[in-house]
């Protein structure tokens, strides 16, 4: 971080100042949300002296830890799923669901790729659906205009919320795809794999594309009206990048909020100034200040549960997220 942001309120600081040196807030979860978690943790530690540990186990791995009571907060690049809801319920873990940003899932290729500037959902599905395994091996099988060249795929691992959202948006079924691709929880592996192979294609969160536009380039997605929309902060924010724009979340343990340091950290995350500035700084689309104000009120009211009882929803807008709050 290039600067230290002003802490939330003097009252919040005094509430835990005495215990700050010994207290620890534990955060884990999505690798996509990790840059936001890391930025929040760094600024909070600078402002308060309270230690914050940040892991990156993936959305699914993060929920497993969170629902076993091992972490205070977990980042997620998709809403909590039914089996995770049940796991939390079994363990007696109540949670507060907090949208923190909008994101776009970028489809990336090597800079020397001169044929896949814009692709349709149908073409991507041909590459990624379950039926493609061991069968769709060349680019021209997705589109005859593409070259007869090997198709080498990279993407998020199956514990990742990015994987879940991508498979739902592209294949129509969450958590189902071909398995013969390079799957990883480390988005840098996808970046380096695509950067080093002219025949590669991958998918990952927008922030990693923004950081690496000198190494890879994005594939625009063909919309229903025939237009081609690229993955950018602007198109993710205004909802025009469909179906791969999505919200990102933090889930906070209700019980953990009884500890002053966790309450203070949650207030810090939901402070409109911190939320908008830090989210933008790491390359994601900040929600409006009103969303952070509503999130802070939700924490204060201990409003638990999820808006997404049926799992991920494609095409959720900022307006719908605000209405859910």
Protein backbone atom coordinates (compact mmCIF):
# COMPACT_ATOMS: atom_id res chain seq x y z
CA UNK A 1 0.00 0.00 0.00
CA UNK A 2 1.23 3.50 -0.72
CA UNK A 3 -0.56 5.15 2.18
CA UNK A 4 -2.23 4.42 5.50
CA UNK A 5 -5.93 5.18 5.64
CA UNK A 6 -7.54 6.89 8.61
CA UNK A 7 -9.06 4.40 11.04
CA UNK A 8 -12.83 4.11 11.38
CA UNK A 9 -13.66 5.89 14.65
CA UNK A 10 -11.90 6.66 17.90
CA UNK A 11 -14.58 4.71 19.74
CA UNK A 12 -13.90 1.57 17.70
CA UNK A 13 -10.18 1.91 18.32
CA UNK A 14 -10.58 2.31 22.08
CA UNK A 15 -12.83 -0.76 22.23
CA UNK A 16 -9.96 -3.10 21.54
CA UNK A 17 -6.79 -1.06 21.91
CA UNK A 18 -5.71 -2.68 25.15
CA UNK A 19 -5.84 -6.17 23.64
CA UNK A 20 -4.61 -5.21 20.18
CA UNK A 21 -1.04 -6.39 20.58
CA UNK A 22 -2.08 -9.94 21.47
CA UNK A 23 -5.20 -10.24 19.31
CA UNK A 24 -5.33 -11.90 15.88
CA UNK A 25 -8.00 -11.82 13.19
CA UNK A 26 -7.95 -14.86 10.89
CA UNK A 27 -9.01 -14.49 7.25
CA UNK A 28 -8.93 -17.12 4.50
CA UNK A 29 -10.79 -18.05 1.34
CA UNK A 30 -10.85 -17.14 -2.32
CA UNK A 31 -7.63 -16.50 -4.24
CA UNK A 32 -9.61 -13.99 -6.30
CA UNK A 33 -10.65 -12.06 -3.19
CA UNK A 34 -7.15 -12.46 -1.70
CA UNK A 35 -5.83 -9.10 -3.03
CA UNK A 36 -8.74 -7.33 -1.30
CA UNK A 37 -8.22 -9.31 1.92
CA UNK A 38 -4.50 -8.61 1.85
CA UNK A 39 -4.98 -4.88 1.27
CA UNK A 40 -7.56 -4.61 4.06
CA UNK A 41 -5.37 -6.58 6.46
CA UNK A 42 -2.29 -4.49 5.76
CA UNK A 43 -4.06 -1.17 6.27
CA UNK A 44 -5.86 -2.40 9.40
CA UNK A 45 -2.60 -3.63 10.91
CA UNK A 46 -0.91 -0.30 10.11
CA UNK A 47 -3.76 1.61 11.74
CA UNK A 48 -4.25 -0.51 14.85
CA UNK A 49 -1.33 -2.84 15.49
CA UNK A 50 -3.69 -5.81 15.51
CA UNK A 51 -2.35 -8.84 13.65
CA UNK A 52 -4.39 -10.16 10.71
CA UNK A 53 -3.44 -13.46 9.06
CA UNK A 54 -4.65 -13.95 5.47
CA UNK A 55 -4.75 -17.34 3.76
CA UNK A 56 -5.73 -18.33 0.24
CA UNK A 57 -7.34 -21.78 0.34
CA UNK A 58 -9.85 -21.08 -2.42
CA UNK A 59 -13.52 -20.34 -1.90
CA UNK A 60 -14.45 -23.96 -1.21
CA UNK A 61 -11.44 -24.63 1.00
CA UNK A 62 -12.05 -21.37 2.82
CA UNK A 63 -15.68 -22.24 3.56
CA UNK A 64 -14.61 -25.63 4.96
CA UNK A 65 -12.31 -23.92 7.45
CA UNK A 66 -14.83 -21.17 8.20
CA UNK A 67 -17.71 -23.56 8.79
CA UNK A 68 -15.54 -25.60 11.16
CA UNK A 69 -14.92 -22.46 13.19
CA UNK A 70 -11.24 -22.24 12.25
CA UNK A 71 -11.37 -18.71 10.79
CA UNK A 72 -13.16 -15.47 11.61
CA UNK A 73 -13.76 -14.26 8.06
CA UNK A 74 -13.65 -15.93 4.66
CA UNK A 75 -13.52 -14.36 1.22
CA UNK A 76 -15.63 -15.91 -1.52
CA UNK A 77 -15.85 -15.40 -5.26
CA UNK A 78 -19.32 -16.96 -5.29
CA UNK A 79 -22.13 -17.19 -2.73
CA UNK A 80 -22.13 -19.91 -0.10
CA UNK A 81 -23.48 -23.23 -1.44
CA UNK A 82 -26.09 -25.56 0.03
CA UNK A 83 -23.66 -28.12 1.42
CA UNK A 84 -21.59 -25.33 2.98
CA UNK A 85 -24.71 -23.85 4.56
CA UNK A 86 -25.41 -27.25 6.08
CA UNK A 87 -21.82 -27.63 7.29
CA UNK A 88 -21.98 -24.25 9.03
CA UNK A 89 -25.35 -25.15 10.52
CA UNK A 90 -24.01 -28.46 11.84
CA UNK A 91 -21.09 -26.66 13.47
CA UNK A 92 -23.29 -23.90 14.86
CA UNK A 93 -21.59 -21.22 12.76
CA UNK A 94 -23.82 -18.28 11.86
CA UNK A 95 -22.49 -15.89 9.25
CA UNK A 96 -23.06 -12.42 7.87
CA UNK A 97 -22.80 -12.17 4.08
CA UNK A 98 -21.16 -8.97 2.85
CA UNK A 99 -20.74 -8.10 -0.85
CA UNK A 100 -17.48 -6.15 -1.20
CA UNK A 101 -16.82 -5.71 -4.93
CA UNK A 102 -17.79 -6.51 -8.47
CA UNK A 103 -15.47 -8.56 -10.65
CA UNK A 104 -15.26 -9.93 -14.15
CA UNK A 105 -13.96 -13.37 -15.02
CA UNK A 106 -11.43 -12.78 -17.78
CA UNK A 107 -10.80 -15.28 -20.56
CA UNK A 108 -7.16 -14.88 -21.57
CA UNK A 109 -4.91 -15.94 -24.43
CA UNK A 110 -1.31 -15.46 -25.46
CA UNK A 111 -0.49 -12.07 -27.04
CA UNK A 112 0.52 -13.87 -30.25
CA UNK A 113 -2.96 -15.40 -30.59
CA UNK A 114 -4.43 -13.53 -33.58
CA UNK A 115 -7.60 -15.54 -34.09
CA UNK A 116 -9.60 -15.49 -30.83
CA UNK A 117 -10.22 -11.78 -30.30
CA UNK A 118 -13.91 -12.39 -29.54
CA UNK A 119 -15.61 -15.65 -28.59
CA UNK A 120 -19.17 -16.68 -27.90
CA UNK A 121 -20.39 -18.55 -24.84
CA UNK A 122 -21.20 -21.45 -27.17
CA UNK A 123 -17.61 -21.66 -28.38
CA UNK A 124 -16.29 -21.57 -24.84
CA UNK A 125 -18.79 -24.23 -23.81
CA UNK A 126 -17.58 -26.46 -26.64
CA UNK A 127 -14.10 -26.18 -25.12
CA UNK A 128 -15.00 -26.53 -21.45
CA UNK A 129 -18.07 -28.79 -21.10
CA UNK A 130 -17.78 -32.28 -19.64
CA UNK A 131 -18.31 -33.86 -23.06
CA UNK A 132 -15.20 -32.08 -24.39
CA UNK A 133 -12.82 -34.16 -22.29
CA UNK A 134 -10.41 -36.20 -24.46
CA UNK A 135 -12.38 -35.09 -27.55
CA UNK A 136 -12.04 -31.35 -28.11
CA UNK A 137 -8.26 -31.07 -28.40
CA UNK A 138 -7.79 -28.48 -31.14
CA UNK A 139 -8.89 -24.87 -31.57
CA UNK A 140 -10.76 -25.52 -34.83
CA UNK A 141 -13.12 -27.91 -33.06
CA UNK A 142 -14.65 -24.90 -31.30
CA UNK A 143 -14.77 -22.79 -34.47
CA UNK A 144 -13.71 -23.96 -37.98
CA UNK A 145 -12.19 -20.50 -38.56
CA UNK A 146 -9.70 -21.13 -35.77
CA UNK A 147 -6.41 -22.90 -36.63
CA UNK A 148 -5.90 -26.64 -36.46
CA UNK A 149 -3.65 -26.21 -33.45
CA UNK A 150 -3.53 -27.86 -30.01
CA UNK A 151 -5.89 -26.37 -27.41
CA UNK A 152 -4.12 -26.08 -24.07
CA UNK A 153 -6.39 -25.01 -21.23
CA UNK A 154 -5.64 -23.40 -17.86
CA UNK A 155 -8.04 -22.38 -15.12
CA UNK A 156 -9.09 -22.37 -11.52
CA UNK A 157 -9.10 -25.55 -9.47
CA UNK A 158 -12.32 -27.23 -8.43
CA UNK A 159 -12.11 -25.79 -4.89
CA UNK A 160 -12.35 -22.31 -6.36
CA UNK A 161 -15.43 -20.10 -6.51
CA UNK A 162 -14.04 -18.82 -9.81
CA UNK A 163 -14.33 -22.36 -11.16
CA UNK A 164 -17.88 -22.67 -9.86
CA UNK A 165 -19.02 -19.37 -11.36
CA UNK A 166 -17.26 -19.95 -14.70
CA UNK A 167 -18.77 -23.41 -15.13
CA UNK A 168 -22.25 -22.14 -14.31
CA UNK A 169 -21.98 -19.15 -16.65
CA UNK A 170 -20.39 -21.06 -19.54
CA UNK A 171 -21.53 -24.68 -19.19
CA UNK A 172 -24.87 -23.99 -17.51
CA UNK A 173 -24.08 -26.29 -14.57
CA UNK A 174 -22.07 -25.21 -11.54
CA UNK A 175 -19.00 -27.25 -10.70
CA UNK A 176 -19.05 -29.38 -13.87
CA UNK A 177 -16.48 -29.23 -16.64
CA UNK A 178 -13.90 -31.29 -18.44
CA UNK A 179 -11.13 -32.36 -16.10
CA UNK A 180 -8.19 -32.55 -18.51
CA UNK A 181 -6.90 -29.01 -18.08
CA UNK A 182 -4.23 -27.43 -15.90
CA UNK A 183 -6.20 -26.66 -12.74
CA UNK A 184 -4.69 -24.45 -10.06
CA UNK A 185 -5.54 -22.33 -7.03
CA UNK A 186 -2.60 -20.06 -7.96
CA UNK A 187 -3.68 -17.63 -10.70
CA UNK A 188 -0.03 -16.85 -11.44
CA UNK A 189 0.32 -20.39 -12.82
CA UNK A 190 -2.49 -19.64 -15.27
CA UNK A 191 -0.86 -16.31 -16.22
CA UNK A 192 2.54 -17.89 -16.80
CA UNK A 193 1.09 -20.90 -18.61
CA UNK A 194 -0.85 -18.76 -21.07
CA UNK A 195 2.01 -16.26 -21.43
CA UNK A 196 4.34 -19.07 -22.46
CA UNK A 197 2.09 -20.90 -24.94
CA UNK A 198 0.59 -19.37 -28.10
CA UNK A 199 -2.05 -22.13 -28.14
CA UNK A 200 -3.19 -21.68 -24.54
CA UNK A 201 -6.46 -20.29 -23.17
CA UNK A 202 -7.32 -19.70 -19.53
CA UNK A 203 -9.74 -17.99 -17.17
CA UNK A 204 -9.21 -16.04 -13.94
CA UNK A 205 -10.31 -12.96 -12.00
CA UNK A 206 -10.07 -9.54 -13.61
CA UNK A 207 -7.47 -8.16 -11.17
CA UNK A 208 -4.91 -10.74 -12.32
CA UNK A 209 -5.50 -9.74 -15.94
CA UNK A 210 -5.09 -6.05 -15.07
CA UNK A 211 -1.76 -6.80 -13.36
CA UNK A 212 -0.48 -8.81 -16.31
CA UNK A 213 -1.69 -7.12 -19.49
CA UNK A 214 1.94 -7.02 -20.59
CA UNK A 215 2.02 -10.84 -20.56
CA UNK A 216 -1.46 -11.92 -21.72
CA UNK A 217 -4.51 -10.43 -23.40
CA UNK A 218 -8.22 -10.92 -22.83
CA UNK A 219 -10.78 -12.40 -25.18
CA UNK A 220 -13.88 -10.26 -25.63
CA UNK A 221 -17.19 -12.08 -25.03
CA UNK A 222 -19.84 -11.97 -27.74
CA UNK A 223 -23.13 -10.66 -26.35
CA UNK A 224 -26.70 -11.50 -27.36
CA UNK A 225 -26.82 -8.46 -29.66
CA UNK A 226 -23.66 -9.56 -31.46
CA UNK A 227 -21.38 -6.98 -29.84
CA UNK A 228 -18.02 -7.99 -28.38
CA UNK A 229 -17.37 -6.74 -24.84
CA UNK A 230 -13.93 -6.88 -23.25
CA UNK A 231 -13.19 -7.58 -19.61
CA UNK A 232 -12.48 -4.24 -17.92
CA UNK A 233 -13.23 -2.56 -14.62
CA UNK A 234 -15.83 -0.44 -16.41
CA UNK A 235 -17.68 -3.31 -18.14
CA UNK A 236 -17.72 -5.42 -14.96
CA UNK A 237 -19.09 -2.45 -13.03
CA UNK A 238 -21.84 -1.48 -15.46
CA UNK A 239 -22.93 -5.08 -16.04
CA UNK A 240 -22.28 -5.07 -19.79
CA UNK A 241 -19.70 -7.87 -19.55
CA UNK A 242 -22.04 -10.84 -19.49
CA UNK A 243 -22.29 -13.56 -18.40
CA UNK A 244 -18.96 -13.27 -16.60
CA UNK A 245 -19.51 -10.26 -14.30
CA UNK A 246 -20.06 -11.30 -10.69
CA UNK A 247 -20.07 -10.04 -7.08
CA UNK A 248 -17.36 -10.89 -4.56
CA UNK A 249 -18.04 -11.47 -0.86
CA UNK A 250 -16.72 -11.56 2.67
CA UNK A 251 -18.47 -13.84 5.19
CA UNK A 252 -18.03 -12.89 8.84
CA UNK A 253 -18.65 -15.27 11.74
CA UNK A 254 -21.32 -13.86 14.03
CA UNK A 255 -19.70 -15.44 17.10
CA UNK A 256 -16.28 -14.02 16.19
CA UNK A 257 -17.77 -10.51 16.28
CA UNK A 258 -17.96 -10.83 20.07
CA UNK A 259 -14.19 -10.30 20.03
CA UNK A 260 -13.42 -6.57 19.83
CA UNK A 261 -10.67 -7.00 17.24
CA UNK A 262 -12.99 -8.83 14.82
CA UNK A 263 -15.75 -6.26 15.31
CA UNK A 264 -13.24 -3.49 14.64
CA UNK A 265 -11.93 -5.26 11.53
CA UNK A 266 -15.45 -5.77 10.17
CA UNK A 267 -16.19 -2.07 10.74
CA UNK A 268 -12.92 -1.24 8.98
CA UNK A 269 -13.82 -3.37 5.94
CA UNK A 270 -17.27 -1.82 5.71
CA UNK A 271 -16.13 1.77 6.15
CA UNK A 272 -17.10 3.38 2.79
CA UNK A 273 -13.77 5.19 2.42
CA UNK A 274 -11.66 2.11 3.05
CA UNK A 275 -13.89 -0.18 1.02
CA UNK A 276 -14.05 1.93 -2.13
CA UNK A 277 -10.40 3.03 -2.10
CA UNK A 278 -8.80 -0.32 -1.32
CA UNK A 279 -11.04 -2.33 -3.67
CA UNK A 280 -10.23 0.05 -6.52
CA UNK A 281 -6.53 0.05 -5.64
CA UNK A 282 -6.22 -3.71 -6.17
CA UNK A 283 -8.05 -3.63 -9.50
CA UNK A 284 -11.64 -4.54 -8.69
CA UNK A 285 -14.87 -2.59 -9.08
CA UNK A 286 -15.89 -0.96 -5.79
CA UNK A 287 -19.51 -1.08 -4.78
CA UNK A 288 -21.14 2.31 -4.18
CA UNK A 289 -20.49 3.86 -0.78
CA UNK A 290 -24.11 3.11 0.11
CA UNK A 291 -23.37 -0.62 -0.17
CA UNK A 292 -20.61 -0.38 2.44
CA UNK A 293 -22.83 1.69 4.73
CA UNK A 294 -25.54 -0.97 4.44
CA UNK A 295 -22.96 -3.67 5.10
CA UNK A 296 -21.78 -1.94 8.25
CA UNK A 297 -25.38 -1.68 9.44
CA UNK A 298 -25.85 -5.36 8.66
CA UNK A 299 -22.86 -6.21 10.86
CA UNK A 300 -24.20 -4.03 13.68
CA UNK A 301 -27.62 -5.70 13.45
CA UNK A 302 -26.02 -9.19 13.26
CA UNK A 303 -28.17 -9.98 10.21
CA UNK A 304 -27.19 -13.52 9.28
CA UNK A 305 -27.92 -15.76 6.29
CA UNK A 306 -27.55 -15.49 2.53
CA UNK A 307 -29.45 -13.76 -0.25
CA UNK A 308 -28.40 -16.59 -2.58
CA UNK A 309 -30.25 -19.55 -1.08
CA UNK A 310 -30.28 -21.31 -4.44
CA UNK A 311 -26.57 -20.78 -5.12
CA UNK A 312 -24.92 -18.47 -7.62
CA UNK A 313 -27.08 -16.30 -9.85
CA UNK A 314 -25.81 -15.16 -13.23
CA UNK A 315 -26.07 -11.47 -14.08
CA UNK A 316 -26.72 -10.08 -10.58
CA UNK A 317 -26.42 -6.29 -10.75
CA UNK A 318 -25.15 -3.84 -8.16
CA UNK A 319 -28.73 -2.59 -7.81
CA UNK A 320 -29.95 -6.08 -6.94
CA UNK A 321 -27.18 -6.47 -4.39
CA UNK A 322 -28.15 -3.19 -2.77
CA UNK A 323 -31.80 -4.22 -2.71
CA UNK A 324 -30.82 -7.50 -1.01
CA UNK A 325 -29.10 -5.54 1.75
